[in-house]
Amino acid sequence: MYHHLATRFGRNSHQISGRDALDNDALHRHVPSVFAREAHDSRSERYVYVPTIEIVEGLRREGWFPFFAVQAVPRDGARHGHAKHMLRLRRDDGIGKPEAAEVIIVNSHDGTSAYQMFAGMLRFVCTNSMIAGERFEEVRVPHKGGIQDRIIDGVNAVAKDFPRLIDATETMKDTRLSRDEQQVLAEASLVARYGEEESPVRPDQIIAPRRREDVGQNLWQTFNVIQENLIRGGLDGRRRTADGRIRRSRTRPINGIDQNVGLNRALWTLAEGMQRLKSA
């Protein structure tokens, strides 16, 4: 029986999360491509197909359980049952802890993705899900050869990086930022989010906490506030139209899997960069 089960349906993705591990019925209703019985018709005979659910079952036997899943909604409806999906798995031993390390798996059965595995961190107070940056283990397994054991080995390799991930988190908690340093991190984060486009929001908006637990000036709090504000959106902003007029707007959440992974990793890398500067 699930407690606090959350689902969301958007134009670009369907997702489900719970405080208890997700069972196959819940996964099948919201991320059916995890259960695809065969690869998409566009794949050649050389494409090695292993259903994601077989990987999930193998990981459950190893003590890893899915607590979050999201599936892309492709424009081509024929690819829906094979579309890109992402699962966040962790061991069910985080009771009483503020954070839990996770393994993130990304895959598809239509050729748009190899199996990808990353280290991540869940912050329980806000269910913020972060993905570690480039200095942490990342495993990619193409759909070739005997891949099932390589995927399980990849998950274990990512998990071996957890002590370093937890140490990085604790170091960020012990690092105090000045208001100017928070502003600099926010400015860099807006570049990571919007690139060369003009940002619709100001740096001070994305370092404004949404809850009292995030009020403070350590690097971990600042990073979490920025990450949540950019990933979840909903901030009031302004955009300049093509004719030069200023129009009110509201920032959109990041629902696309690739964009979510890319921005999450970029923000973690920026936070680590600030940490290194402060430690120099």
Protein backbone atom coordinates (compact mmCIF):
# COMPACT_ATOMS: atom_id res chain seq x y z
CA MET A 1 0.00 0.00 0.00
CA TYR A 2 1.48 3.37 -1.00
CA HIS A 3 1.71 6.43 1.18
CA HIS A 4 2.14 9.94 -0.23
CA LEU A 5 2.15 8.73 -3.84
CA ALA A 6 2.58 11.60 -6.30
CA THR A 7 1.92 11.57 -10.02
CA ARG A 8 2.30 14.26 -12.65
CA PHE A 9 1.31 14.36 -16.29
CA GLY A 10 2.77 16.99 -18.58
CA ARG A 11 3.22 17.61 -22.27
CA ASN A 12 6.73 16.14 -22.23
CA SER A 13 6.62 13.45 -19.55
CA HIS A 14 4.62 11.28 -17.16
CA GLN A 15 6.08 10.65 -13.72
CA ILE A 16 5.36 8.93 -10.42
CA SER A 17 7.08 9.00 -7.04
CA GLY A 18 6.38 7.65 -3.58
CA ARG A 19 7.81 7.49 -0.09
CA ASP A 20 7.45 3.72 -0.37
CA ALA A 21 9.11 1.77 -3.17
CA LEU A 22 7.09 1.60 -6.38
CA ASP A 23 5.75 -1.81 -7.38
CA ASN A 24 5.28 -3.07 -10.93
CA ASP A 25 1.60 -2.10 -11.10
CA ALA A 26 2.40 1.55 -10.37
CA LEU A 27 5.33 1.53 -12.80
CA HIS A 28 3.25 -0.05 -15.56
CA ARG A 29 0.49 2.55 -15.25
CA HIS A 30 2.82 5.53 -15.52
CA VAL A 31 6.00 4.41 -17.33
CA PRO A 32 4.89 1.58 -19.64
CA SER A 33 8.07 1.71 -21.74
CA VAL A 34 9.90 0.08 -18.80
CA PHE A 35 7.92 -3.07 -19.73
CA ALA A 36 8.36 -3.00 -23.53
CA ARG A 37 8.45 -6.61 -24.76
CA GLU A 38 10.67 -5.89 -27.72
CA ALA A 39 12.72 -3.08 -29.20
CA HIS A 40 11.10 -0.51 -31.48
CA ASP A 41 10.70 -1.55 -35.13
CA SER A 42 13.37 0.95 -36.15
CA ARG A 43 16.12 -1.07 -34.43
CA SER A 44 18.32 -3.48 -36.41
CA GLU A 45 19.03 -7.12 -35.57
CA ARG A 46 22.33 -6.04 -33.95
CA TYR A 47 20.44 -4.08 -31.30
CA VAL A 48 20.51 -6.06 -28.05
CA TYR A 49 17.21 -5.71 -26.24
CA VAL A 50 16.90 -6.16 -22.49
CA PRO A 51 13.62 -4.88 -20.95
CA THR A 52 14.28 -2.29 -18.26
CA ILE A 53 11.96 -4.17 -15.93
CA GLU A 54 14.37 -7.13 -15.99
CA ILE A 55 17.12 -4.79 -14.80
CA VAL A 56 14.79 -3.43 -12.09
CA GLU A 57 13.97 -6.95 -10.91
CA GLY A 58 17.69 -7.81 -10.78
CA LEU A 59 18.41 -4.68 -8.78
CA ARG A 60 15.57 -5.41 -6.37
CA ARG A 61 17.29 -8.72 -5.60
CA GLU A 62 20.42 -6.68 -4.87
CA GLY A 63 18.47 -4.44 -2.46
CA TRP A 64 17.82 -1.49 -4.81
CA PHE A 65 14.23 -0.24 -5.17
CA PRO A 66 12.62 2.36 -7.47
CA PHE A 67 11.06 5.35 -5.69
CA PHE A 68 10.72 7.64 -8.72
CA ALA A 69 10.08 7.03 -12.42
CA VAL A 70 9.46 9.29 -15.39
CA GLN A 71 8.77 8.58 -19.06
CA ALA A 72 9.06 10.95 -21.97
CA VAL A 73 6.02 11.58 -24.16
CA PRO A 74 7.36 11.43 -27.75
CA ARG A 75 5.77 13.38 -30.57
CA ASP A 76 5.56 10.15 -32.53
CA GLY A 77 2.82 8.28 -30.65
CA ALA A 78 4.05 4.97 -32.08
CA ARG A 79 7.15 5.29 -29.90
CA HIS A 80 5.24 5.76 -26.63
CA GLY A 81 5.70 2.16 -25.52
CA HIS A 82 9.47 2.37 -26.16
CA ALA A 83 10.19 5.96 -25.11
CA LYS A 84 13.05 7.23 -22.97
CA HIS A 85 12.55 6.75 -19.25
CA MET A 86 14.42 7.45 -16.02
CA LEU A 87 14.30 5.61 -12.70
CA ARG A 88 15.77 6.67 -9.37
CA LEU A 89 16.61 3.74 -7.10
CA ARG A 90 17.88 3.62 -3.54
CA ARG A 91 18.16 1.22 -0.65
CA ASP A 92 15.19 1.40 1.71
CA ASP A 93 17.29 2.37 4.73
CA GLY A 94 17.02 6.16 4.79
CA ILE A 95 14.55 6.51 7.66
CA GLY A 96 15.54 9.41 9.89
CA LYS A 97 18.22 10.68 7.53
CA PRO A 98 18.06 14.10 5.80
CA GLU A 99 19.35 12.72 2.48
CA ALA A 100 19.77 9.42 0.68
CA ALA A 101 22.18 8.49 -2.09
CA GLU A 102 20.54 7.15 -5.26
CA VAL A 103 21.38 5.42 -8.51
CA ILE A 104 19.74 7.02 -11.55
CA ILE A 105 19.10 4.87 -14.64
CA VAL A 106 18.16 6.32 -18.03
CA ASN A 107 17.21 4.10 -20.96
CA SER A 108 14.97 3.78 -24.00
CA HIS A 109 13.97 0.98 -26.36
CA ASP A 110 13.75 3.12 -29.51
CA GLY A 111 17.44 3.85 -30.03
CA THR A 112 17.41 7.33 -28.46
CA SER A 113 19.47 6.27 -25.44
CA ALA A 114 21.98 3.72 -24.21
CA TYR A 115 21.66 2.54 -20.64
CA GLN A 116 23.08 5.40 -18.56
CA MET A 117 23.76 5.35 -14.82
CA PHE A 118 24.58 8.28 -12.53
CA ALA A 119 24.96 8.91 -8.82
CA GLY A 120 22.38 11.17 -7.21
CA MET A 121 21.08 12.47 -3.92
CA LEU A 122 17.52 12.83 -2.60
CA ARG A 123 16.77 15.49 0.01
CA PHE A 124 13.72 14.30 1.95
CA VAL A 125 12.52 17.65 3.29
CA CYS A 126 11.58 18.83 -0.20
CA THR A 127 11.92 15.58 -2.20
CA ASN A 128 14.61 17.41 -4.16
CA SER A 129 16.41 14.95 -6.43
CA MET A 130 19.91 15.97 -7.49
CA ILE A 131 22.37 14.33 -9.87
CA ALA A 132 26.10 14.47 -9.17
CA GLY A 133 28.40 16.28 -11.55
CA GLU A 134 31.16 15.16 -13.89
CA ARG A 135 33.67 14.24 -11.18
CA PHE A 136 31.48 11.33 -10.11
CA GLU A 137 31.08 7.93 -11.72
CA GLU A 138 28.95 7.75 -14.86
CA VAL A 139 28.40 4.47 -16.69
CA ARG A 140 27.06 4.04 -20.21
CA VAL A 141 26.18 0.62 -21.62
CA PRO A 142 25.23 0.53 -25.32
CA HIS A 143 22.67 -2.00 -26.53
CA LYS A 144 25.34 -4.41 -27.76
CA GLY A 145 26.61 -7.78 -26.54
CA GLY A 146 25.79 -9.27 -23.13
CA ILE A 147 24.58 -6.14 -21.40
CA GLN A 148 22.52 -7.31 -18.40
CA ASP A 149 25.47 -8.15 -16.15
CA ARG A 150 27.29 -5.01 -17.32
CA ILE A 151 24.33 -2.89 -16.26
CA ILE A 152 24.21 -4.47 -12.78
CA ASP A 153 27.99 -3.99 -12.51
CA GLY A 154 27.52 -0.38 -13.61
CA VAL A 155 25.01 0.26 -10.83
CA ASN A 156 27.43 -1.21 -8.30
CA ALA A 157 30.24 0.96 -9.69
CA VAL A 158 28.09 4.07 -9.29
CA ALA A 159 27.19 3.02 -5.74
CA LYS A 160 30.87 2.73 -4.82
CA ASP A 161 31.08 6.49 -5.32
CA PHE A 162 28.44 7.11 -2.62
CA PRO A 163 30.93 7.74 0.24
CA ARG A 164 32.60 10.47 -1.81
CA LEU A 165 29.18 11.87 -2.72
CA ILE A 166 28.13 12.01 0.94
CA ASP A 167 31.46 13.61 1.91
CA ALA A 168 30.93 16.29 -0.75
CA THR A 169 27.47 16.97 0.64
CA GLU A 170 28.76 17.34 4.20
CA THR A 171 31.56 19.65 3.05
CA MET A 172 29.02 21.89 1.31
CA LYS A 173 27.00 22.05 4.54
CA ASP A 174 30.10 23.31 6.38
CA THR A 175 30.87 26.00 3.79
CA ARG A 176 29.35 29.42 4.43
CA LEU A 177 28.74 31.78 1.51
CA SER A 178 28.53 35.53 1.61
CA ARG A 179 25.55 37.19 -0.04
CA ASP A 180 27.79 38.18 -2.94
CA GLU A 181 28.97 34.59 -3.37
CA GLN A 182 25.38 33.35 -3.37
CA GLN A 183 24.62 35.93 -6.05
CA VAL A 184 27.56 34.78 -8.19
CA LEU A 185 26.46 31.13 -7.94
CA ALA A 186 22.91 32.16 -8.90
CA GLU A 187 24.16 34.14 -11.92
CA ALA A 188 26.20 31.17 -13.17
CA SER A 189 23.22 28.86 -12.61
CA LEU A 190 20.97 31.06 -14.74
CA VAL A 191 23.51 30.81 -17.56
CA ALA A 192 23.42 27.01 -17.18
CA ARG A 193 19.61 27.13 -17.40
CA TYR A 194 19.06 29.68 -20.16
CA GLY A 195 22.36 29.82 -22.06
CA GLU A 196 22.57 32.84 -24.31
CA GLU A 197 18.87 33.63 -23.86
CA GLU A 198 17.89 36.47 -21.58
CA SER A 199 16.85 35.09 -18.20
CA PRO A 200 13.24 35.92 -17.28
CA VAL A 201 14.15 35.99 -13.57
CA ARG A 202 16.81 37.71 -11.47
CA PRO A 203 19.54 35.91 -9.52
CA ASP A 204 18.04 37.01 -6.20
CA GLN A 205 14.79 35.22 -7.11
CA ILE A 206 16.43 31.82 -7.45
CA ILE A 207 18.27 32.07 -4.13
CA ALA A 208 15.03 32.88 -2.30
CA PRO A 209 14.11 29.76 -0.22
CA ARG A 210 10.67 28.20 -0.46
CA ARG A 211 10.66 26.81 3.11
CA ARG A 212 12.19 27.69 6.46
CA GLU A 213 14.50 24.64 6.43
CA ASP A 214 16.34 26.22 3.50
CA VAL A 215 16.93 29.57 5.16
CA GLY A 216 20.67 29.96 5.63
CA GLN A 217 23.88 30.74 3.84
CA ASN A 218 25.77 27.49 3.61
CA LEU A 219 26.61 26.16 0.16
CA TRP A 220 24.38 23.08 0.44
CA GLN A 221 21.31 25.17 1.28
CA THR A 222 22.06 27.68 -1.47
CA PHE A 223 22.63 24.96 -4.05
CA ASN A 224 19.39 23.19 -3.07
CA VAL A 225 17.36 26.40 -3.27
CA ILE A 226 18.75 27.23 -6.71
CA GLN A 227 18.22 23.70 -7.98
CA GLU A 228 14.63 23.51 -6.78
CA ASN A 229 13.71 26.94 -8.14
CA LEU A 230 15.15 26.17 -11.58
CA ILE A 231 13.91 22.58 -11.89
CA ARG A 232 10.41 23.14 -10.53
CA GLY A 233 9.85 26.57 -12.07
CA GLY A 234 6.82 28.64 -11.10
CA LEU A 235 8.72 31.90 -10.54
CA ASP A 236 7.23 35.16 -11.75
CA GLY A 237 9.43 36.77 -14.38
CA ARG A 238 9.53 38.96 -17.44
CA ARG A 239 10.49 38.23 -21.02
CA ARG A 240 11.31 40.58 -23.87
CA THR A 241 9.24 39.90 -26.99
CA ALA A 242 10.54 40.07 -30.55
CA ASP A 243 9.26 43.64 -30.89
CA GLY A 244 11.09 44.74 -27.74
CA ARG A 245 8.14 44.78 -25.38
CA ILE A 246 8.37 43.36 -21.85
CA ARG A 247 5.81 40.68 -21.07
CA ARG A 248 5.15 38.99 -17.74
CA SER A 249 5.78 35.25 -17.66
CA ARG A 250 6.18 32.35 -15.27
CA THR A 251 9.16 30.02 -15.42
CA ARG A 252 8.41 26.50 -16.59
CA PRO A 253 9.40 23.30 -14.77
CA ILE A 254 12.07 21.10 -16.33
CA ASN A 255 10.17 17.96 -17.36
CA GLY A 256 12.33 16.61 -20.19
CA ILE A 257 14.64 13.79 -19.08
CA ASP A 258 17.74 14.95 -20.97
CA GLN A 259 17.28 18.56 -19.89
CA ASN A 260 16.71 17.49 -16.29
CA VAL A 261 19.86 15.37 -16.21
CA GLY A 262 21.95 18.00 -18.00
CA LEU A 263 20.88 20.92 -15.81
CA ASN A 264 21.11 18.90 -12.60
CA ARG A 265 24.68 17.84 -13.36
CA ALA A 266 25.66 21.35 -14.42
CA LEU A 267 24.34 22.84 -11.17
CA TRP A 268 26.19 20.26 -9.08
CA THR A 269 29.39 21.02 -10.98
CA LEU A 270 28.93 24.76 -10.32
CA ALA A 271 28.39 24.11 -6.60
CA GLU A 272 31.54 22.00 -6.48
CA GLY A 273 33.42 24.74 -8.29
CA MET A 274 32.35 27.22 -5.63
CA GLN A 275 33.43 24.73 -2.98
CA ARG A 276 36.90 24.48 -4.49
CA LEU A 277 37.22 28.27 -4.65
CA LYS A 278 36.23 28.56 -0.99
CA SER A 279 38.72 25.85 0.01
CA ALA A 280 41.67 27.33 -1.91
